[in-house]
Amino acid sequence: MSKFPALRPGDALPALLALGAAFLAAGKTGEKRGAPVLNLVTPAGGETLELGRDTVLWIPVRSGTVEVRIQGGRARIAASPCPSGYCVRTGWIDSPGQTAVCMPEGVFLEVTEDGAAPDAVSY
């Protein structure tokens, strides 16, 4: 004799409903996504920039200048006066959710989809 009761035809329904809800919540199937853009936050404020437009920005910070490059649909912190240089070594970012941060100088880059805003930014 089995420890488990026999399955009945309606037993699979709750599992199928939960699985369907998980797919809708995670994937938002059929939703058209916007083009990737760059959210840039600096000590002076924030702005959204197109990744498709090649640009070089020099951002004044307390100990010098941070250089941000946008080229070929991707972005990076190319130069920074911060002592560690982790932000420069992060390299290029181009996919939604990727970030590059220079914490000592307060510069934050995040690739998002068009129309999306950063989840949170703190200094």
PDB file of N, CA and C in Angstrom:
ATOM      1  N   MET A   1       0.837  -1.173   0.000  1.00  0.00           N
ATOM      2  CA  MET A   1       0.000   0.000   0.000  1.00  0.00           C
ATOM      3  C   MET A   1       0.891   1.249   0.000  1.00  0.00           C
ATOM      4  N   SER A   2       0.535   2.266  -0.832  1.00  0.00           N
ATOM      5  CA  SER A   2       1.320   3.492  -0.991  1.00  0.00           C
ATOM      6  C   SER A   2       1.023   4.485   0.123  1.00  0.00           C
ATOM      7  N   LYS A   3       2.052   5.276   0.486  1.00  0.00           N
ATOM      8  CA  LYS A   3       1.887   6.324   1.481  1.00  0.00           C
ATOM      9  C   LYS A   3       1.128   7.521   0.907  1.00  0.00           C
ATOM     10  N   PHE A   4       1.177   7.693  -0.405  1.00  0.00           N
ATOM     11  CA  PHE A   4       0.582   8.848  -1.062  1.00  0.00           C
ATOM     12  C   PHE A   4      -0.791   8.500  -1.597  1.00  0.00           C
ATOM     13  N   PRO A   5      -1.754   9.424  -1.472  1.00  0.00           N
ATOM     14  CA  PRO A   5      -3.089   9.153  -2.016  1.00  0.00           C
ATOM     15  C   PRO A   5      -3.047   9.206  -3.541  1.00  0.00           C
ATOM     16  N   ALA A   6      -3.980   8.589  -4.163  1.00  0.00           N
ATOM     17  CA  ALA A   6      -4.061   8.559  -5.624  1.00  0.00           C
ATOM     18  C   ALA A   6      -4.394   9.952  -6.150  1.00  0.00           C
ATOM     19  N   LEU A   7      -3.798  10.300  -7.278  1.00  0.00           N
ATOM     20  CA  LEU A   7      -4.075  11.592  -7.898  1.00  0.00           C
ATOM     21  C   LEU A   7      -5.442  11.551  -8.561  1.00  0.00           C
ATOM     22  N   ARG A   8      -6.146  12.666  -8.452  1.00  0.00           N
ATOM     23  CA  ARG A   8      -7.445  12.792  -9.091  1.00  0.00           C
ATOM     24  C   ARG A   8      -7.322  13.785 -10.238  1.00  0.00           C
ATOM     25  N   PRO A   9      -8.271  13.810 -11.192  1.00  0.00           N
ATOM     26  CA  PRO A   9      -8.164  14.695 -12.363  1.00  0.00           C
ATOM     27  C   PRO A   9      -7.988  16.175 -12.011  1.00  0.00           C
ATOM     28  N   GLY A  10      -8.601  16.698 -10.950  1.00  0.00           N
ATOM     29  CA  GLY A  10      -8.509  18.113 -10.617  1.00  0.00           C
ATOM     30  C   GLY A  10      -7.252  18.489  -9.840  1.00  0.00           C
ATOM     31  N   ASP A  11      -6.419  17.521  -9.479  1.00  0.00           N
ATOM     32  CA  ASP A  11      -5.233  17.808  -8.675  1.00  0.00           C
ATOM     33  C   ASP A  11      -4.176  18.616  -9.422  1.00  0.00           C
ATOM     34  N   ALA A  12      -4.139  18.541 -10.726  1.00  0.00           N
ATOM     35  CA  ALA A  12      -3.131  19.250 -11.507  1.00  0.00           C
ATOM     36  C   ALA A  12      -3.506  20.711 -11.744  1.00  0.00           C
ATOM     37  N   LEU A  13      -4.772  21.062 -11.573  1.00  0.00           N
ATOM     38  CA  LEU A  13      -5.222  22.429 -11.861  1.00  0.00           C
ATOM     39  C   LEU A  13      -4.500  23.495 -11.034  1.00  0.00           C
ATOM     40  N   PRO A  14      -4.367  23.366  -9.712  1.00  0.00           N
ATOM     41  CA  PRO A  14      -3.639  24.403  -8.960  1.00  0.00           C
ATOM     42  C   PRO A  14      -2.179  24.556  -9.417  1.00  0.00           C
ATOM     43  N   ALA A  15      -1.542  23.455  -9.743  1.00  0.00           N
ATOM     44  CA  ALA A  15      -0.156  23.527 -10.204  1.00  0.00           C
ATOM     45  C   ALA A  15      -0.066  24.240 -11.546  1.00  0.00           C
ATOM     46  N   LEU A  16      -0.997  23.980 -12.459  1.00  0.00           N
ATOM     47  CA  LEU A  16      -0.993  24.649 -13.763  1.00  0.00           C
ATOM     48  C   LEU A  16      -1.277  26.142 -13.616  1.00  0.00           C
ATOM     49  N   LEU A  17      -2.181  26.513 -12.739  1.00  0.00           N
ATOM     50  CA  LEU A  17      -2.466  27.929 -12.504  1.00  0.00           C
ATOM     51  C   LEU A  17      -1.252  28.650 -11.929  1.00  0.00           C
ATOM     52  N   ALA A  18      -0.564  28.039 -10.983  1.00  0.00           N
ATOM     53  CA  ALA A  18       0.629  28.643 -10.391  1.00  0.00           C
ATOM     54  C   ALA A  18       1.737  28.789 -11.433  1.00  0.00           C
ATOM     55  N   LEU A  19       1.912  27.788 -12.266  1.00  0.00           N
ATOM     56  CA  LEU A  19       2.931  27.837 -13.314  1.00  0.00           C
ATOM     57  C   LEU A  19       2.628  28.945 -14.317  1.00  0.00           C
ATOM     58  N   GLY A  20       1.370  29.076 -14.722  1.00  0.00           N
ATOM     59  CA  GLY A  20       0.976  30.139 -15.650  1.00  0.00           C
ATOM     60  C   GLY A  20       1.201  31.517 -15.058  1.00  0.00           C
ATOM     61  N   ALA A  21       0.864  31.704 -13.777  1.00  0.00           N
ATOM     62  CA  ALA A  21       1.084  32.992 -13.117  1.00  0.00           C
ATOM     63  C   ALA A  21       2.573  33.321 -13.042  1.00  0.00           C
ATOM     64  N   ALA A  22       3.403  32.313 -12.807  1.00  0.00           N
ATOM     65  CA  ALA A  22       4.847  32.539 -12.747  1.00  0.00           C
ATOM     66  C   ALA A  22       5.387  32.999 -14.095  1.00  0.00           C
ATOM     67  N   PHE A  23       4.913  32.395 -15.181  1.00  0.00           N
ATOM     68  CA  PHE A  23       5.357  32.811 -16.518  1.00  0.00           C
ATOM     69  C   PHE A  23       4.929  34.239 -16.820  1.00  0.00           C
ATOM     70  N   LEU A  24       3.717  34.600 -16.451  1.00  0.00           N
ATOM     71  CA  LEU A  24       3.248  35.957 -16.706  1.00  0.00           C
ATOM     72  C   LEU A  24       4.036  36.982 -15.901  1.00  0.00           C
ATOM     73  N   ALA A  25       4.309  36.672 -14.652  1.00  0.00           N
ATOM     74  CA  ALA A  25       5.035  37.616 -13.801  1.00  0.00           C
ATOM     75  C   ALA A  25       6.494  37.759 -14.224  1.00  0.00           C
ATOM     76  N   ALA A  26       7.127  36.665 -14.592  1.00  0.00           N
ATOM     77  CA  ALA A  26       8.556  36.692 -14.914  1.00  0.00           C
ATOM     78  C   ALA A  26       8.837  37.195 -16.315  1.00  0.00           C
ATOM     79  N   GLY A  27       8.091  36.730 -17.280  1.00  0.00           N
ATOM     80  CA  GLY A  27       8.425  37.043 -18.661  1.00  0.00           C
ATOM     81  C   GLY A  27       7.619  38.145 -19.296  1.00  0.00           C
ATOM     82  N   LYS A  28       6.445  38.444 -18.783  1.00  0.00           N
ATOM     83  CA  LYS A  28       5.553  39.414 -19.403  1.00  0.00           C
ATOM     84  C   LYS A  28       5.500  39.163 -20.899  1.00  0.00           C
ATOM     85  N   THR A  29       5.136  37.950 -21.261  1.00  0.00           N
ATOM     86  CA  THR A  29       5.159  37.512 -22.649  1.00  0.00           C
ATOM     87  C   THR A  29       4.315  38.405 -23.532  1.00  0.00           C
ATOM     88  N   GLY A  30       4.807  38.666 -24.726  1.00  0.00           N
ATOM     89  CA  GLY A  30       4.103  39.462 -25.700  1.00  0.00           C
ATOM     90  C   GLY A  30       4.282  40.962 -25.519  1.00  0.00           C
ATOM     91  N   GLU A  31       4.965  41.403 -24.476  1.00  0.00           N
ATOM     92  CA  GLU A  31       5.157  42.827 -24.236  1.00  0.00           C
ATOM     93  C   GLU A  31       6.319  43.328 -25.083  1.00  0.00           C
ATOM     94  N   LYS A  32       6.093  44.399 -25.803  1.00  0.00           N
ATOM     95  CA  LYS A  32       7.147  44.987 -26.622  1.00  0.00           C
ATOM     96  C   LYS A  32       8.093  45.780 -25.724  1.00  0.00           C
ATOM     97  N   ARG A  33       9.348  45.511 -25.842  1.00  0.00           N
ATOM     98  CA  ARG A  33      10.345  46.180 -25.010  1.00  0.00           C
ATOM     99  C   ARG A  33      10.969  47.341 -25.776  1.00  0.00           C
ATOM    100  N   GLY A  34      11.368  48.379 -25.025  1.00  0.00           N
ATOM    101  CA  GLY A  34      11.988  49.550 -25.628  1.00  0.00           C
ATOM    102  C   GLY A  34      13.455  49.301 -25.931  1.00  0.00           C
ATOM    103  N   ALA A  35      14.027  50.211 -26.685  1.00  0.00           N
ATOM    104  CA  ALA A  35      15.447  50.130 -27.011  1.00  0.00           C
ATOM    105  C   ALA A  35      16.267  50.420 -25.755  1.00  0.00           C
ATOM    106  N   PRO A  36      17.436  49.798 -25.624  1.00  0.00           N
ATOM    107  CA  PRO A  36      18.279  50.087 -24.465  1.00  0.00           C
ATOM    108  C   PRO A  36      18.729  51.554 -24.462  1.00  0.00           C
ATOM    109  N   VAL A  37      18.705  52.158 -23.279  1.00  0.00           N
ATOM    110  CA  VAL A  37      19.182  53.525 -23.086  1.00  0.00           C
ATOM    111  C   VAL A  37      20.093  53.538 -21.866  1.00  0.00           C
ATOM    112  N   LEU A  38      20.821  54.634 -21.697  1.00  0.00           N
ATOM    113  CA  LEU A  38      21.732  54.763 -20.571  1.00  0.00           C
ATOM    114  C   LEU A  38      21.185  55.791 -19.595  1.00  0.00           C
ATOM    115  N   ASN A  39      20.965  55.365 -18.355  1.00  0.00           N
ATOM    116  CA  ASN A  39      20.628  56.300 -17.279  1.00  0.00           C
ATOM    117  C   ASN A  39      21.933  56.705 -16.616  1.00  0.00           C
ATOM    118  N   LEU A  40      22.184  57.996 -16.603  1.00  0.00           N
ATOM    119  CA  LEU A  40      23.412  58.544 -16.029  1.00  0.00           C
ATOM    120  C   LEU A  40      23.036  59.412 -14.838  1.00  0.00           C
ATOM    121  N   VAL A  41      23.603  59.099 -13.679  1.00  0.00           N
ATOM    122  CA  VAL A  41      23.382  59.896 -12.476  1.00  0.00           C
ATOM    123  C   VAL A  41      24.744  60.412 -12.015  1.00  0.00           C
ATOM    124  N   THR A  42      24.821  61.730 -11.808  1.00  0.00           N
ATOM    125  CA  THR A  42      26.055  62.373 -11.369  1.00  0.00           C
ATOM    126  C   THR A  42      25.741  63.230 -10.140  1.00  0.00           C
ATOM    127  N   PRO A  43      26.755  63.786  -9.494  1.00  0.00           N
ATOM    128  CA  PRO A  43      26.476  64.680  -8.368  1.00  0.00           C
ATOM    129  C   PRO A  43      25.611  65.883  -8.766  1.00  0.00           C
ATOM    130  N   ALA A  44      25.625  66.265 -10.035  1.00  0.00           N
ATOM    131  CA  ALA A  44      24.841  67.411 -10.504  1.00  0.00           C
ATOM    132  C   ALA A  44      23.412  67.040 -10.888  1.00  0.00           C
ATOM    133  N   GLY A  45      23.080  65.753 -10.986  1.00  0.00           N
ATOM    134  CA  GLY A  45      21.731  65.336 -11.385  1.00  0.00           C
ATOM    135  C   GLY A  45      21.774  64.108 -12.271  1.00  0.00           C
ATOM    136  N   GLY A  46      20.655  63.829 -12.929  1.00  0.00           N
ATOM    137  CA  GLY A  46      20.575  62.643 -13.769  1.00  0.00           C
ATOM    138  C   GLY A  46      19.985  62.954 -15.129  1.00  0.00           C
ATOM    139  N   GLU A  47      20.263  62.075 -16.079  1.00  0.00           N
ATOM    140  CA  GLU A  47      19.702  62.198 -17.414  1.00  0.00           C
ATOM    141  C   GLU A  47      19.709  60.841 -18.103  1.00  0.00           C
ATOM    142  N   THR A  48      18.910  60.724 -19.156  1.00  0.00           N
ATOM    143  CA  THR A  48      18.843  59.508 -19.952  1.00  0.00           C
ATOM    144  C   THR A  48      19.435  59.810 -21.321  1.00  0.00           C
ATOM    145  N   LEU A  49      20.344  58.950 -21.769  1.00  0.00           N
ATOM    146  CA  LEU A  49      21.040  59.152 -23.042  1.00  0.00           C
ATOM    147  C   LEU A  49      20.809  57.956 -23.963  1.00  0.00           C
ATOM    148  N   GLU A  50      20.807  58.207 -25.255  1.00  0.00           N
ATOM    149  CA  GLU A  50      20.668  57.138 -26.240  1.00  0.00           C
ATOM    150  C   GLU A  50      21.991  56.391 -26.375  1.00  0.00           C
ATOM    151  N   LEU A  51      21.921  55.069 -26.379  1.00  0.00           N
ATOM    152  CA  LEU A  51      23.142  54.284 -26.588  1.00  0.00           C
ATOM    153  C   LEU A  51      23.548  54.262 -28.063  1.00  0.00           C
ATOM    154  N   GLY A  52      22.632  54.572 -28.959  1.00  0.00           N
ATOM    155  CA  GLY A  52      22.930  54.556 -30.386  1.00  0.00           C
ATOM    156  C   GLY A  52      23.647  55.797 -30.876  1.00  0.00           C
ATOM    157  N   ARG A  53      23.860  56.755 -30.012  1.00  0.00           N
ATOM    158  CA  ARG A  53      24.511  58.006 -30.399  1.00  0.00           C
ATOM    159  C   ARG A  53      25.880  58.098 -29.726  1.00  0.00           C
ATOM    160  N   ASP A  54      26.944  58.014 -30.500  1.00  0.00           N
ATOM    161  CA  ASP A  54      28.305  58.070 -29.954  1.00  0.00           C
ATOM    162  C   ASP A  54      28.563  59.427 -29.306  1.00  0.00           C
ATOM    163  N   THR A  55      29.006  59.389 -28.051  1.00  0.00           N
ATOM    164  CA  THR A  55      29.191  60.600 -27.264  1.00  0.00           C
ATOM    165  C   THR A  55      30.339  60.398 -26.279  1.00  0.00           C
ATOM    166  N   VAL A  56      31.041  61.476 -25.971  1.00  0.00           N
ATOM    167  CA  VAL A  56      32.017  61.479 -24.884  1.00  0.00           C
ATOM    168  C   VAL A  56      31.602  62.596 -23.935  1.00  0.00           C
ATOM    169  N   LEU A  57      31.475  62.251 -22.639  1.00  0.00           N
ATOM    170  CA  LEU A  57      31.090  63.226 -21.625  1.00  0.00           C
ATOM    171  C   LEU A  57      32.214  63.367 -20.613  1.00  0.00           C
ATOM    172  N   TRP A  58      32.518  64.595 -20.216  1.00  0.00           N
ATOM    173  CA  TRP A  58      33.471  64.861 -19.151  1.00  0.00           C
ATOM    174  C   TRP A  58      32.666  65.442 -18.000  1.00  0.00           C
ATOM    175  N   ILE A  59      32.576  64.696 -16.913  1.00  0.00           N
ATOM    176  CA  ILE A  59      31.739  65.058 -15.782  1.00  0.00           C
ATOM    177  C   ILE A  59      32.627  65.608 -14.667  1.00  0.00           C
ATOM    178  N   PRO A  60      32.434  66.882 -14.292  1.00  0.00           N
ATOM    179  CA  PRO A  60      33.227  67.429 -13.195  1.00  0.00           C
ATOM    180  C   PRO A  60      32.788  66.826 -11.856  1.00  0.00           C
ATOM    181  N   VAL A  61      33.755  66.335 -11.101  1.00  0.00           N
ATOM    182  CA  VAL A  61      33.511  65.759  -9.773  1.00  0.00           C
ATOM    183  C   VAL A  61      34.468  66.424  -8.803  1.00  0.00           C
ATOM    184  N   ARG A  62      34.357  66.108  -7.533  1.00  0.00           N
ATOM    185  CA  ARG A  62      35.126  66.847  -6.514  1.00  0.00           C
ATOM    186  C   ARG A  62      36.642  66.724  -6.663  1.00  0.00           C
ATOM    187  N   SER A  63      37.152  65.625  -7.210  1.00  0.00           N
ATOM    188  CA  SER A  63      38.613  65.478  -7.309  1.00  0.00           C
ATOM    189  C   SER A  63      39.113  65.447  -8.747  1.00  0.00           C
ATOM    190  N   GLY A  64      38.323  65.987  -9.687  1.00  0.00           N
ATOM    191  CA  GLY A  64      38.777  66.015 -11.072  1.00  0.00           C
ATOM    192  C   GLY A  64      37.623  65.858 -12.046  1.00  0.00           C
ATOM    193  N   THR A  65      37.826  64.966 -13.029  1.00  0.00           N
ATOM    194  CA  THR A  65      36.834  64.757 -14.084  1.00  0.00           C
ATOM    195  C   THR A  65      36.680  63.265 -14.361  1.00  0.00           C
ATOM    196  N   VAL A  66      35.444  62.807 -14.503  1.00  0.00           N
ATOM    197  CA  VAL A  66      35.151  61.433 -14.910  1.00  0.00           C
ATOM    198  C   VAL A  66      34.768  61.474 -16.387  1.00  0.00           C
ATOM    199  N   GLU A  67      35.388  60.608 -17.186  1.00  0.00           N
ATOM    200  CA  GLU A  67      35.088  60.529 -18.610  1.00  0.00           C
ATOM    201  C   GLU A  67      34.167  59.337 -18.863  1.00  0.00           C
ATOM    202  N   VAL A  68      33.013  59.602 -19.463  1.00  0.00           N
ATOM    203  CA  VAL A  68      32.052  58.559 -19.834  1.00  0.00           C
ATOM    204  C   VAL A  68      31.978  58.506 -21.347  1.00  0.00           C
ATOM    205  N   ARG A  69      32.130  57.316 -21.915  1.00  0.00           N
ATOM    206  CA  ARG A  69      32.069  57.140 -23.361  1.00  0.00           C
ATOM    207  C   ARG A  69      30.853  56.291 -23.727  1.00  0.00           C
ATOM    208  N   ILE A  70      30.141  56.733 -24.763  1.00  0.00           N
ATOM    209  CA  ILE A  70      29.060  55.952 -25.364  1.00  0.00           C
ATOM    210  C   ILE A  70      29.486  55.738 -26.806  1.00  0.00           C
ATOM    211  N   GLN A  71      29.601  54.467 -27.198  1.00  0.00           N
ATOM    212  CA  GLN A  71      30.118  54.159 -28.530  1.00  0.00           C
ATOM    213  C   GLN A  71      29.584  52.815 -28.976  1.00  0.00           C
ATOM    214  N   GLY A  72      29.054  52.754 -30.186  1.00  0.00           N
ATOM    215  CA  GLY A  72      28.620  51.489 -30.767  1.00  0.00           C
ATOM    216  C   GLY A  72      27.531  50.772 -29.971  1.00  0.00           C
ATOM    217  N   GLY A  73      26.625  51.530 -29.350  1.00  0.00           N
ATOM    218  CA  GLY A  73      25.534  50.915 -28.605  1.00  0.00           C
ATOM    219  C   GLY A  73      25.911  50.414 -27.224  1.00  0.00           C
ATOM    220  N   ARG A  74      27.017  50.895 -26.683  1.00  0.00           N
ATOM    221  CA  ARG A  74      27.454  50.491 -25.347  1.00  0.00           C
ATOM    222  C   ARG A  74      28.084  51.694 -24.646  1.00  0.00           C
ATOM    223  N   ALA A  75      28.299  51.590 -23.341  1.00  0.00           N
ATOM    224  CA  ALA A  75      28.835  52.703 -22.564  1.00  0.00           C
ATOM    225  C   ALA A  75      29.855  52.204 -21.557  1.00  0.00           C
ATOM    226  N   ARG A  76      30.695  53.126 -21.083  1.00  0.00           N
ATOM    227  CA  ARG A  76      31.681  52.783 -20.058  1.00  0.00           C
ATOM    228  C   ARG A  76      32.199  54.044 -19.379  1.00  0.00           C
ATOM    229  N   ILE A  77      32.768  53.853 -18.190  1.00  0.00           N
ATOM    230  CA  ILE A  77      33.534  54.909 -17.547  1.00  0.00           C
ATOM    231  C   ILE A  77      34.962  54.711 -18.038  1.00  0.00           C
ATOM    232  N   ALA A  78      35.429  55.635 -18.868  1.00  0.00           N
ATOM    233  CA  ALA A  78      36.733  55.468 -19.515  1.00  0.00           C
ATOM    234  C   ALA A  78      37.883  55.973 -18.656  1.00  0.00           C
ATOM    235  N   ALA A  79      37.634  56.987 -17.827  1.00  0.00           N
ATOM    236  CA  ALA A  79      38.685  57.529 -16.963  1.00  0.00           C
ATOM    237  C   ALA A  79      38.039  58.137 -15.728  1.00  0.00           C
ATOM    238  N   SER A  80      38.750  58.016 -14.602  1.00  0.00           N
ATOM    239  CA  SER A  80      38.253  58.560 -13.345  1.00  0.00           C
ATOM    240  C   SER A  80      39.432  58.868 -12.425  1.00  0.00           C
ATOM    241  N   PRO A  81      39.309  59.928 -11.619  1.00  0.00           N
ATOM    242  CA  PRO A  81      40.384  60.238 -10.689  1.00  0.00           C
ATOM    243  C   PRO A  81      40.333  59.415  -9.402  1.00  0.00           C
ATOM    244  N   CYS A  82      39.367  58.511  -9.274  1.00  0.00           N
ATOM    245  CA  CYS A  82      39.255  57.739  -8.033  1.00  0.00           C
ATOM    246  C   CYS A  82      40.472  56.823  -7.865  1.00  0.00           C
ATOM    247  N   PRO A  83      40.874  56.546  -6.633  1.00  0.00           N
ATOM    248  CA  PRO A  83      42.108  55.789  -6.399  1.00  0.00           C
ATOM    249  C   PRO A  83      42.053  54.325  -6.809  1.00  0.00           C
ATOM    250  N   SER A  84      40.895  53.671  -6.707  1.00  0.00           N
ATOM    251  CA  SER A  84      40.843  52.229  -6.977  1.00  0.00           C
ATOM    252  C   SER A  84      40.768  51.895  -8.458  1.00  0.00           C
ATOM    253  N   GLY A  85      40.035  52.672  -9.229  1.00  0.00           N
ATOM    254  CA  GLY A  85      39.903  52.410 -10.657  1.00  0.00           C
ATOM    255  C   GLY A  85      38.974  51.261 -11.005  1.00  0.00           C
ATOM    256  N   TYR A  86      38.205  50.761 -10.034  1.00  0.00           N
ATOM    257  CA  TYR A  86      37.272  49.660 -10.318  1.00  0.00           C
ATOM    258  C   TYR A  86      36.264  50.050 -11.396  1.00  0.00           C
ATOM    259  N   CYS A  87      35.824  51.293 -11.370  1.00  0.00           N
ATOM    260  CA  CYS A  87      34.822  51.741 -12.331  1.00  0.00           C
ATOM    261  C   CYS A  87      35.353  51.669 -13.766  1.00  0.00           C
ATOM    262  N   VAL A  88      36.607  51.991 -13.956  1.00  0.00           N
ATOM    263  CA  VAL A  88      37.211  51.940 -15.286  1.00  0.00           C
ATOM    264  C   VAL A  88      37.374  50.487 -15.726  1.00  0.00           C
ATOM    265  N   ARG A  89      37.767  49.634 -14.791  1.00  0.00           N
ATOM    266  CA  ARG A  89      37.968  48.216 -15.120  1.00  0.00           C
ATOM    267  C   ARG A  89      36.662  47.460 -15.329  1.00  0.00           C
ATOM    268  N   THR A  90      35.526  48.050 -14.985  1.00  0.00           N
ATOM    269  CA  THR A  90      34.241  47.410 -15.264  1.00  0.00           C
ATOM    270  C   THR A  90      34.075  47.187 -16.755  1.00  0.00           C
ATOM    271  N   GLY A  91      34.565  48.110 -17.559  1.00  0.00           N
ATOM    272  CA  GLY A  91      34.506  47.960 -19.012  1.00  0.00           C
ATOM    273  C   GLY A  91      33.163  48.385 -19.578  1.00  0.00           C
ATOM    274  N   TRP A  92      32.862  47.867 -20.762  1.00  0.00           N
ATOM    275  CA  TRP A  92      31.666  48.260 -21.505  1.00  0.00           C
ATOM    276  C   TRP A  92      30.423  47.580 -20.935  1.00  0.00           C
ATOM    277  N   ILE A  93      29.321  48.327 -20.913  1.00  0.00           N
ATOM    278  CA  ILE A  93      28.012  47.787 -20.542  1.00  0.00           C
ATOM    279  C   ILE A  93      27.056  48.070 -21.693  1.00  0.00           C
ATOM    280  N   ASP A  94      26.177  47.099 -22.013  1.00  0.00           N
ATOM    281  CA  ASP A  94      25.267  47.300 -23.140  1.00  0.00           C
ATOM    282  C   ASP A  94      23.916  46.611 -22.997  1.00  0.00           C
ATOM    283  N   SER A  95      23.704  45.831 -21.960  1.00  0.00           N
ATOM    284  CA  SER A  95      22.450  45.101 -21.786  1.00  0.00           C
ATOM    285  C   SER A  95      21.674  45.645 -20.593  1.00  0.00           C
ATOM    286  N   PRO A  96      20.334  45.701 -20.701  1.00  0.00           N
ATOM    287  CA  PRO A  96      19.534  46.190 -19.579  1.00  0.00           C
ATOM    288  C   PRO A  96      19.882  45.465 -18.278  1.00  0.00           C
ATOM    289  N   GLY A  97      20.078  46.255 -17.228  1.00  0.00           N
ATOM    290  CA  GLY A  97      20.450  45.715 -15.923  1.00  0.00           C
ATOM    291  C   GLY A  97      21.922  45.848 -15.602  1.00  0.00           C
ATOM    292  N   GLN A  98      22.759  46.062 -16.598  1.00  0.00           N
ATOM    293  CA  GLN A  98      24.189  46.211 -16.345  1.00  0.00           C
ATOM    294  C   GLN A  98      24.478  47.614 -15.823  1.00  0.00           C
ATOM    295  N   THR A  99      25.453  47.704 -14.910  1.00  0.00           N
ATOM    296  CA  THR A  99      25.805  48.986 -14.315  1.00  0.00           C
ATOM    297  C   THR A  99      27.315  49.176 -14.277  1.00  0.00           C
ATOM    298  N   ALA A 100      27.717  50.432 -14.190  1.00  0.00           N
ATOM    299  CA  ALA A 100      29.101  50.822 -13.910  1.00  0.00           C
ATOM    300  C   ALA A 100      28.999  51.969 -12.917  1.00  0.00           C
ATOM    301  N   VAL A 101      29.726  51.863 -11.817  1.00  0.00           N
ATOM    302  CA  VAL A 101      29.587  52.830 -10.732  1.00  0.00           C
ATOM    303  C   VAL A 101      30.957  53.301 -10.270  1.00  0.00           C
ATOM    304  N   CYS A 102      31.095  54.614 -10.109  1.00  0.00           N
ATOM    305  CA  CYS A 102      32.272  55.195  -9.473  1.00  0.00           C
ATOM    306  C   CYS A 102      31.785  55.782  -8.152  1.00  0.00           C
ATOM    307  N   MET A 103      31.832  54.984  -7.113  1.00  0.00           N
ATOM    308  CA  MET A 103      31.289  55.387  -5.815  1.00  0.00           C
ATOM    309  C   MET A 103      31.999  56.609  -5.225  1.00  0.00           C
ATOM    310  N   PRO A 104      33.334  56.670  -5.245  1.00  0.00           N
ATOM    311  CA  PRO A 104      33.980  57.834  -4.627  1.00  0.00           C
ATOM    312  C   PRO A 104      33.567  59.156  -5.272  1.00  0.00           C
ATOM    313  N   GLU A 105      33.269  59.136  -6.559  1.00  0.00           N
ATOM    314  CA  GLU A 105      32.934  60.372  -7.274  1.00  0.00           C
ATOM    315  C   GLU A 105      31.436  60.550  -7.493  1.00  0.00           C
ATOM    316  N   GLY A 106      30.621  59.561  -7.143  1.00  0.00           N
ATOM    317  CA  GLY A 106      29.167  59.679  -7.242  1.00  0.00           C
ATOM    318  C   GLY A 106      28.627  59.609  -8.652  1.00  0.00           C
ATOM    319  N   VAL A 107      29.248  58.800  -9.519  1.00  0.00           N
ATOM    320  CA  VAL A 107      28.785  58.642 -10.898  1.00  0.00           C
ATOM    321  C   VAL A 107      28.240  57.229 -11.060  1.00  0.00           C
ATOM    322  N   PHE A 108      27.021  57.126 -11.624  1.00  0.00           N
ATOM    323  CA  PHE A 108      26.317  55.859 -11.744  1.00  0.00           C
ATOM    324  C   PHE A 108      25.792  55.728 -13.167  1.00  0.00           C
ATOM    325  N   LEU A 109      26.145  54.635 -13.854  1.00  0.00           N
ATOM    326  CA  LEU A 109      25.629  54.332 -15.187  1.00  0.00           C
ATOM    327  C   LEU A 109      24.809  53.057 -15.103  1.00  0.00           C
ATOM    328  N   GLU A 110      23.634  53.046 -15.733  1.00  0.00           N
ATOM    329  CA  GLU A 110      22.830  51.829 -15.801  1.00  0.00           C
ATOM    330  C   GLU A 110      22.149  51.766 -17.152  1.00  0.00           C
ATOM    331  N   VAL A 111      22.251  50.619 -17.805  1.00  0.00           N
ATOM    332  CA  VAL A 111      21.538  50.402 -19.057  1.00  0.00           C
ATOM    333  C   VAL A 111      20.156  49.875 -18.696  1.00  0.00           C
ATOM    334  N   THR A 112      19.124  50.537 -19.226  1.00  0.00           N
ATOM    335  CA  THR A 112      17.743  50.114 -19.019  1.00  0.00           C
ATOM    336  C   THR A 112      17.033  50.128 -20.364  1.00  0.00           C
ATOM    337  N   GLU A 113      15.776  49.747 -20.346  1.00  0.00           N
ATOM    338  CA  GLU A 113      14.963  49.848 -21.556  1.00  0.00           C
ATOM    339  C   GLU A 113      14.364  51.236 -21.617  1.00  0.00           C
ATOM    340  N   ASP A 114      14.115  51.709 -22.825  1.00  0.00           N
ATOM    341  CA  ASP A 114      13.569  53.051 -23.022  1.00  0.00           C
ATOM    342  C   ASP A 114      12.323  53.255 -22.176  1.00  0.00           C
ATOM    343  N   GLY A 115      12.300  54.318 -21.410  1.00  0.00           N
ATOM    344  CA  GLY A 115      11.160  54.638 -20.559  1.00  0.00           C
ATOM    345  C   GLY A 115      11.294  54.148 -19.141  1.00  0.00           C
ATOM    346  N   ALA A 116      12.252  53.274 -18.854  1.00  0.00           N
ATOM    347  CA  ALA A 116      12.441  52.774 -17.496  1.00  0.00           C
ATOM    348  C   ALA A 116      13.372  53.719 -16.740  1.00  0.00           C
ATOM    349  N   ALA A 117      13.164  53.801 -15.449  1.00  0.00           N
ATOM    350  CA  ALA A 117      14.014  54.641 -14.600  1.00  0.00           C
ATOM    351  C   ALA A 117      14.845  53.746 -13.691  1.00  0.00           C
ATOM    352  N   PRO A 118      15.936  54.260 -13.126  1.00  0.00           N
ATOM    353  CA  PRO A 118      16.715  53.433 -12.204  1.00  0.00           C
ATOM    354  C   PRO A 118      15.847  52.973 -11.030  1.00  0.00           C
ATOM    355  N   ASP A 119      16.085  51.768 -10.551  1.00  0.00           N
ATOM    356  CA  ASP A 119      15.339  51.255  -9.401  1.00  0.00           C
ATOM    357  C   ASP A 119      15.589  52.123  -8.181  1.00  0.00           C
ATOM    358  N   ALA A 120      16.855  52.405  -7.891  1.00  0.00           N
ATOM    359  CA  ALA A 120      17.213  53.235  -6.753  1.00  0.00           C
ATOM    360  C   ALA A 120      18.647  53.707  -6.919  1.00  0.00           C
ATOM    361  N   VAL A 121      18.910  54.881  -6.414  1.00  0.00           N
ATOM    362  CA  VAL A 121      20.257  55.410  -6.445  1.00  0.00           C
ATOM    363  C   VAL A 121      20.512  56.034  -5.084  1.00  0.00           C
ATOM    364  N   SER A 122      21.659  55.720  -4.493  1.00  0.00           N
ATOM    365  CA  SER A 122      22.000  56.315  -3.208  1.00  0.00           C
ATOM    366  C   SER A 122      23.475  56.695  -3.210  1.00  0.00           C
ATOM    367  N   TYR A 123      23.812  57.641  -2.384  1.00  0.00           N
ATOM    368  CA  TYR A 123      25.203  58.081  -2.268  1.00  0.00           C
ATOM    369  C   TYR A 123      25.680  57.839  -0.864  1.00  0.00           C
TER     370      TYR A 123
END
